Protein backbone atom coordinates (compact mmCIF):
# COMPACT_ATOMS: atom_id res chain seq x y z
CA MET A 1 -23.62 -4.55 -11.56
CA PHE A 2 -21.05 -6.59 -13.41
CA TYR A 3 -17.88 -7.82 -11.98
CA LEU A 4 -15.05 -8.32 -13.82
CA GLY A 5 -12.10 -10.28 -12.42
CA ILE A 6 -8.61 -9.60 -14.29
CA ASP A 7 -5.54 -12.08 -13.95
CA ILE A 8 -2.71 -10.06 -15.20
CA ALA A 9 0.69 -10.92 -16.93
CA LYS A 10 3.19 -9.01 -18.89
CA ALA A 11 2.11 -10.11 -22.35
CA PHE A 12 -1.36 -10.58 -21.93
CA PHE A 13 -4.36 -11.02 -19.27
CA HIS A 14 -7.35 -13.09 -18.92
CA VAL A 15 -10.66 -11.83 -17.72
CA CYS A 16 -13.88 -13.41 -15.90
CA LEU A 17 -16.97 -11.41 -16.25
CA LEU A 18 -19.80 -12.44 -13.59
CA THR A 19 -23.07 -11.21 -14.91
CA PRO A 20 -25.83 -10.05 -12.84
CA GLU A 21 -27.70 -13.09 -13.56
CA GLY A 22 -24.53 -14.91 -12.08
CA LYS A 23 -23.40 -16.16 -15.24
CA ARG A 24 -19.75 -16.19 -15.97
CA LYS A 25 -17.79 -15.11 -19.41
CA ASN A 26 -14.17 -15.35 -20.15
CA LYS A 27 -11.77 -13.62 -22.48
CA ARG A 28 -8.03 -13.26 -23.13
CA CYS A 29 -6.41 -9.99 -24.59
CA ASP A 30 -2.94 -8.80 -25.20
CA ASN A 31 -1.73 -6.54 -22.55
CA THR A 32 -1.46 -3.63 -25.14
CA PRO A 33 -3.45 -0.42 -26.19
CA ALA A 34 -4.91 -2.43 -28.69
CA GLY A 35 -5.95 -5.33 -26.32
CA PHE A 36 -7.76 -2.67 -23.96
CA GLN A 37 -9.68 -1.53 -26.69
CA GLU A 38 -10.72 -5.12 -27.67
CA LEU A 39 -11.85 -5.67 -23.93
CA LEU A 40 -13.91 -2.73 -24.15
CA SER A 41 -15.86 -3.69 -27.38
CA TRP A 42 -16.15 -7.16 -25.89
CA LEU A 43 -17.67 -5.61 -22.79
CA GLN A 44 -19.99 -3.39 -24.92
CA ARG A 45 -21.27 -6.42 -26.85
CA GLN A 46 -22.04 -8.10 -23.28
CA GLY A 47 -24.42 -5.19 -22.36
CA VAL A 48 -22.05 -4.07 -19.57
CA THR A 49 -22.89 -0.52 -18.21
CA GLU A 50 -22.12 -0.67 -14.83
CA LEU A 51 -18.98 -2.68 -13.87
CA HIS A 52 -16.32 -3.48 -10.96
CA ALA A 53 -12.90 -4.35 -12.21
CA CYS A 54 -10.56 -5.87 -9.96
CA LEU A 55 -7.28 -6.76 -10.31
CA GLU A 56 -3.94 -7.90 -8.47
CA ALA A 57 -1.21 -5.27 -7.59
CA THR A 58 1.42 -6.90 -9.56
CA GLY A 59 4.12 -4.12 -10.03
CA THR A 60 3.36 -2.14 -13.27
CA TYR A 61 1.99 -4.76 -15.56
CA GLY A 62 -1.62 -3.80 -14.68
CA GLU A 63 -1.26 -0.25 -14.47
CA ALA A 64 -1.98 1.05 -17.74
CA LEU A 65 -5.16 -1.42 -17.80
CA ALA A 66 -6.20 0.05 -14.73
CA THR A 67 -5.89 3.58 -16.00
CA PHE A 68 -7.85 2.62 -19.17
CA LEU A 69 -10.72 1.16 -17.28
CA TYR A 70 -10.78 3.84 -14.83
CA GLN A 71 -10.81 6.51 -17.77
CA GLN A 72 -14.00 4.80 -19.22
CA GLY A 73 -15.88 5.41 -16.15
CA PHE A 74 -15.65 2.09 -14.38
CA ARG A 75 -14.84 1.13 -10.77
CA VAL A 76 -11.44 -0.26 -10.51
CA SER A 77 -10.03 -2.03 -7.44
CA VAL A 78 -6.21 -2.90 -6.93
CA VAL A 79 -5.89 -5.46 -4.31
CA ASN A 80 -2.93 -7.35 -2.92
CA PRO A 81 -2.51 -10.89 -4.30
CA LYS A 82 -2.04 -12.26 -0.83
CA ALA A 83 -5.62 -11.33 -0.19
CA ILE A 84 -6.72 -13.45 -3.27
CA ALA A 85 -4.72 -16.22 -2.25
CA HIS A 86 -6.29 -16.24 1.33
CA TYR A 87 -9.92 -16.22 -0.44
CA ALA A 88 -8.98 -19.05 -2.40
CA GLN A 89 -7.63 -21.07 0.67
CA SER A 90 -11.19 -20.13 2.29
CA ARG A 91 -12.66 -21.66 -0.91
CA LEU A 92 -10.24 -24.68 -0.78
CA SER A 93 -9.86 -23.63 -4.15
CA ARG A 94 -6.83 -25.83 -5.70
CA THR A 95 -7.25 -24.92 -9.58
CA GLN A 96 -4.44 -22.61 -10.73
CA THR A 97 -5.09 -21.70 -14.27
CA ASP A 98 -5.29 -18.33 -15.69
CA LYS A 99 -9.39 -18.61 -16.20
CA ALA A 100 -9.71 -20.11 -12.59
CA ASP A 101 -7.72 -17.04 -11.04
CA ALA A 102 -9.57 -14.69 -13.13
CA PHE A 103 -12.81 -16.17 -11.64
CA LEU A 104 -11.48 -16.08 -8.19
CA ILE A 105 -10.73 -12.38 -8.14
CA ALA A 106 -14.05 -11.68 -9.82
CA ASP A 107 -15.67 -13.64 -6.88
CA TYR A 108 -13.78 -11.84 -4.54
CA CYS A 109 -14.47 -8.60 -6.15
CA ARG A 110 -18.32 -9.28 -5.98
CA LYS A 111 -18.38 -10.45 -2.35
CA GLU A 112 -16.13 -7.70 -1.01
CA ALA A 113 -17.32 -4.88 -3.19
CA GLU A 114 -18.46 -2.65 -0.53
CA GLU A 115 -15.30 -2.89 1.49
CA LEU A 116 -12.79 -2.75 -1.46
CA ALA A 117 -11.05 0.86 -1.88
CA LEU A 118 -11.69 2.42 -5.27
CA TRP A 119 -8.33 2.91 -7.34
CA THR A 120 -7.49 5.95 -8.75
CA PRO A 121 -4.66 7.10 -10.84
CA LEU A 122 -1.87 8.78 -9.16
CA SER A 123 -1.81 12.48 -9.76
CA PRO A 124 1.52 13.50 -11.66
CA GLU A 125 2.79 15.34 -8.54
CA VAL A 126 2.37 12.12 -6.16
CA LYS A 127 3.47 9.72 -8.82
CA ALA A 128 6.67 12.09 -8.99
CA LEU A 129 7.04 11.83 -5.43
CA GLN A 130 6.65 8.06 -5.10
CA ALA A 131 9.40 7.42 -7.72
CA LEU A 132 11.84 9.53 -5.47
CA VAL A 133 11.04 8.38 -2.10
CA ARG A 134 11.39 4.87 -3.66
CA ARG A 135 14.73 5.85 -5.08
CA LEU A 136 15.94 7.19 -2.05
CA ALA A 137 14.77 3.60 -0.31
CA THR A 138 16.96 1.92 -2.90
CA LEU A 139 20.03 4.20 -2.50
CA GLU A 140 19.82 3.75 1.24
CA GLU A 141 19.61 0.08 0.87
CA ARG A 142 22.88 -0.08 -1.35
CA ARG A 143 24.69 2.14 1.50
CA GLN A 144 23.71 -0.47 4.09
CA MET A 145 25.01 -3.29 2.18
CA GLU A 146 28.49 -1.40 1.06
CA GLN A 147 28.65 -0.56 4.70
CA ASN A 148 28.20 -4.02 5.83
CA ARG A 149 30.84 -5.27 3.26
CA LEU A 150 33.34 -2.56 4.25
CA GLY A 151 32.83 -3.85 8.11
CA ALA A 152 32.83 -7.60 7.40
CA GLY A 153 36.19 -9.26 7.62
CA GLU A 154 39.55 -8.07 6.00
CA HIS A 155 39.39 -6.64 2.21
CA PRO A 156 42.54 -5.83 0.17
CA GLU A 157 43.23 -2.08 0.05
CA PRO A 158 41.94 -1.59 -3.67
CA VAL A 159 38.47 -3.02 -2.55
CA ARG A 160 38.27 -0.84 0.59
CA ASP A 161 39.03 2.00 -1.67
CA SER A 162 36.41 1.11 -3.86
CA LEU A 163 33.93 0.52 -1.04
CA ARG A 164 34.53 3.99 0.39
CA ALA A 165 34.25 5.50 -3.07
CA HIS A 166 31.09 4.13 -3.55
CA LEU A 167 29.98 5.06 -0.22
CA GLU A 168 30.92 8.47 -0.85
CA TYR A 169 28.93 8.34 -4.04
CA LEU A 170 25.89 7.09 -2.39
CA GLU A 171 25.96 9.61 0.60
CA GLY A 172 25.86 12.59 -2.25
CA ALA A 173 23.02 10.39 -4.20
CA ILE A 174 21.13 10.25 -0.75
CA GLN A 175 21.42 13.88 0.19
CA GLY A 176 20.38 15.03 -3.37
CA THR A 177 17.49 12.88 -3.57
CA GLN A 178 16.49 14.01 -0.15
CA GLU A 179 16.78 17.67 -1.03
CA GLN A 180 14.93 17.15 -4.33
CA ILE A 181 11.75 15.34 -2.23
CA GLN A 182 11.61 18.28 0.13
CA LYS A 183 11.87 20.53 -2.66
CA HIS A 184 9.08 18.81 -4.41
CA LEU A 185 6.89 18.83 -1.36
CA ASP A 186 7.35 22.42 -0.91
CA GLY A 187 6.80 23.35 -4.62
CA ASP A 188 3.23 21.90 -5.03
CA PRO A 189 0.68 23.78 -2.91
CA GLY A 190 -1.37 20.40 -2.38
CA LEU A 191 1.64 18.31 -1.16
CA LYS A 192 2.62 21.24 0.96
CA GLN A 193 -0.70 21.69 2.62
CA ALA A 194 -0.85 17.72 3.37
CA SER A 195 2.75 17.67 4.50
CA ASP A 196 2.24 20.48 6.97
CA LEU A 197 -1.17 18.74 8.34
CA LEU A 198 0.69 15.13 8.58
CA LEU A 199 3.75 17.03 10.42
CA SER A 200 1.38 18.45 13.33
CA ILE A 201 0.90 14.84 14.31
CA PRO A 202 3.59 13.89 17.20
CA GLY A 203 5.75 11.19 16.05
CA ILE A 204 5.42 11.82 12.39
CA GLY A 205 8.63 13.38 10.68
CA THR A 206 9.48 14.53 7.11
CA LYS A 207 10.48 11.13 5.95
CA THR A 208 7.42 9.62 7.10
CA VAL A 209 5.44 12.24 5.31
CA ALA A 210 6.95 11.64 2.14
CA TRP A 211 6.59 7.94 2.08
CA LEU A 212 2.88 8.32 3.30
CA LEU A 213 2.21 11.05 0.77
CA GLY A 214 4.15 9.35 -2.28
CA GLU A 215 2.07 5.84 -1.56
CA LEU A 216 -0.95 6.98 -0.55
CA GLY A 217 -1.32 10.38 -1.65
CA THR A 218 -3.83 12.52 0.33
CA MET A 219 -6.00 9.19 0.79
CA ARG A 220 -8.97 10.52 -1.19
CA GLN A 221 -9.43 7.12 -2.69
CA PHE A 222 -10.43 5.43 0.72
CA ARG A 223 -14.08 5.85 1.51
CA ASN A 224 -13.29 5.26 5.34
CA VAL A 225 -10.20 4.70 7.29
CA ARG A 226 -10.78 0.70 7.33
CA GLN A 227 -10.28 0.69 3.82
CA ALA A 228 -6.96 2.39 4.44
CA VAL A 229 -5.98 0.14 7.12
CA ALA A 230 -6.92 -2.86 5.04
CA PHE A 231 -4.66 -1.47 2.29
CA ILE A 232 -1.78 -0.93 4.22
CA GLY A 233 -2.08 -4.43 6.07
CA LEU A 234 -2.25 -3.33 9.71
CA ALA A 235 -4.51 -5.82 11.07
CA PRO A 236 -2.68 -7.75 13.85
CA GLY A 237 -2.13 -11.54 13.30
CA VAL A 238 -3.64 -13.61 16.25
CA HIS A 239 -3.05 -17.16 16.67
CA GLU A 240 -4.93 -19.15 19.45
CA SER A 241 -6.02 -22.61 19.92
CA GLY A 242 -7.67 -23.56 22.95
CA THR A 243 -5.58 -22.43 26.17
CA SER A 244 -2.48 -24.04 24.82
CA VAL A 245 -1.25 -22.56 21.81
CA LYS A 246 -0.62 -18.96 21.65
CA LYS A 247 2.00 -17.18 19.33
CA ARG A 248 3.20 -13.78 19.40
CA GLY A 249 1.75 -11.10 17.61
CA SER A 250 2.67 -10.34 14.34
CA LEU A 251 1.61 -8.03 11.42
CA ALA A 252 -0.46 -9.66 8.37
CA LYS A 253 1.44 -10.02 5.76
CA LEU A 254 -0.72 -8.24 3.32
CA GLY A 255 -1.14 -4.80 1.82
CA ASN A 256 1.46 -2.15 1.21
CA SER A 257 4.69 -3.34 3.17
CA ARG A 258 6.62 -0.03 2.22
CA VAL A 259 3.95 2.15 4.04
CA ARG A 260 4.21 -0.35 7.33
CA THR A 261 8.04 -0.16 7.16
CA ALA A 262 7.44 3.61 7.09
CA LEU A 263 5.27 3.76 10.24
CA TYR A 264 7.39 1.40 12.28
CA PHE A 265 9.80 3.61 13.99
CA PRO A 266 7.52 6.70 14.01
CA ALA A 267 5.06 4.49 16.06
CA MET A 268 7.91 3.80 18.60
CA SER A 269 8.42 7.39 18.80
CA ALA A 270 4.74 8.13 19.15
CA LEU A 271 4.47 5.62 21.80
CA ARG A 272 6.86 8.20 23.91
CA HIS A 273 5.67 11.77 22.80
CA ASN A 274 2.20 11.33 21.09
CA PRO A 275 -0.02 11.66 24.04
CA LEU A 276 -3.02 9.74 22.52
CA ILE A 277 -0.58 6.83 21.59
CA ARG A 278 1.14 6.87 24.74
CA ALA A 279 -1.99 6.39 26.78
CA LEU A 280 -3.01 3.78 24.27
CA GLY A 281 0.23 1.75 24.86
CA GLU A 282 -0.33 2.34 28.49
CA ARG A 283 -3.75 0.70 28.55
CA LEU A 284 -2.39 -2.25 26.10
CA ARG A 285 0.52 -3.06 28.66
CA GLN A 286 -1.80 -2.85 31.56
CA ALA A 287 -4.01 -5.48 29.73
CA GLY A 288 -0.95 -7.60 29.28
CA LYS A 289 -0.54 -7.37 25.67
CA GLN A 290 3.11 -8.16 24.02
CA ALA A 291 5.29 -5.47 22.56
CA MET A 292 4.54 -6.24 19.11
CA VAL A 293 0.68 -6.02 19.45
CA ILE A 294 1.35 -2.62 21.30
CA LEU A 295 3.39 -1.46 18.39
CA ILE A 296 0.96 -2.69 15.58
CA ALA A 297 -1.86 -0.89 17.65
CA ALA A 298 0.44 2.27 17.72
CA MET A 299 0.92 2.20 13.77
CA ARG A 300 -2.77 1.68 13.25
CA LYS A 301 -3.52 4.57 15.18
CA LEU A 302 -0.98 6.97 13.64
CA LEU A 303 -2.78 5.92 10.29
CA HIS A 304 -5.99 6.99 11.87
CA LEU A 305 -4.72 10.26 12.71
CA ALA A 306 -3.03 10.72 9.66
CA TYR A 307 -6.09 9.94 7.82
CA GLY A 308 -8.12 12.33 9.83
CA VAL A 309 -6.10 15.27 9.38
CA LEU A 310 -6.06 14.77 5.58
CA LYS A 311 -9.61 14.24 5.19
CA THR A 312 -10.83 17.29 7.48
CA SER A 313 -7.65 19.26 6.27
CA LYS A 314 -7.32 20.19 10.00
CA PRO A 315 -3.99 19.85 12.07
CA PHE A 316 -3.84 17.57 14.97
CA ASP A 317 -5.73 18.24 17.98
CA PRO A 318 -5.42 15.82 20.72
CA GLU A 319 -8.75 16.64 22.19
CA TRP A 320 -10.41 16.28 18.82
CA ALA A 321 -8.83 13.05 18.08
CA GLY A 322 -9.02 11.58 21.52
CA ALA A 323 -12.93 12.01 21.01
CA GLY A 324 -12.88 10.33 17.73
């Protein structure tokens, strides 16, 4: 197996190829379709047949290249940049060049290959849903900002009128986007089935369903639930040194923050209304765990349940889920 680390930028990218014999080879290409073809020709000249390529999640810069490599039949993983940064720290690596970064990504891919989720392009239906839910989040953020401005201090009446008019516009845009999301979910058979399965889980509502499906699809890209947990970043941060230093539990700042945010309030609801998660919370409280640790555990359990119903295509069953 060959491993390819890709350090991506807007205009170009550097790659480091690790051969089965442990040799490394480097190349720089333009981040364009012509550059992708140049990379493919170079890989063929190196005798590459089986390849696992890895690149950091950097917005839209790497999406076209990831899609191109996927279409060539190669394995592709898209990882959080902070995972690479932590790996560099574990190696005490201080060199920060494009070539060095590409090697770090390739080496990380080689060592973590069995645990890395394989990336697949979003289907057109999921990609459209993702765009809608992200647009909704942007509109809601702007509404909150304008509400804060309106409520903060004194403003001249023309400014207050402007803020009220903008808020009225945002309310209409939010309602319209929400309706478009629901129409999109109901209009696609696959998304509709997945939505109904997720809604069978106590604690998960329509807004959370839209976020989960928009960011993760039906989770077919994950070989197991551990990969889904790692992708989202739902591992608790633990800080202990002997018996004197103990910090409060916190979320690891890795993975898809949008999904973590989407699961936060549903987890609070599930701790009250979902029998499995309520029981989990009680056990952790009796064990003396802090509130944030309990909440993270509830978020992680919700994700396990979501993964389970989507993978099995069966609605939530408390007896089945409790035995799993």
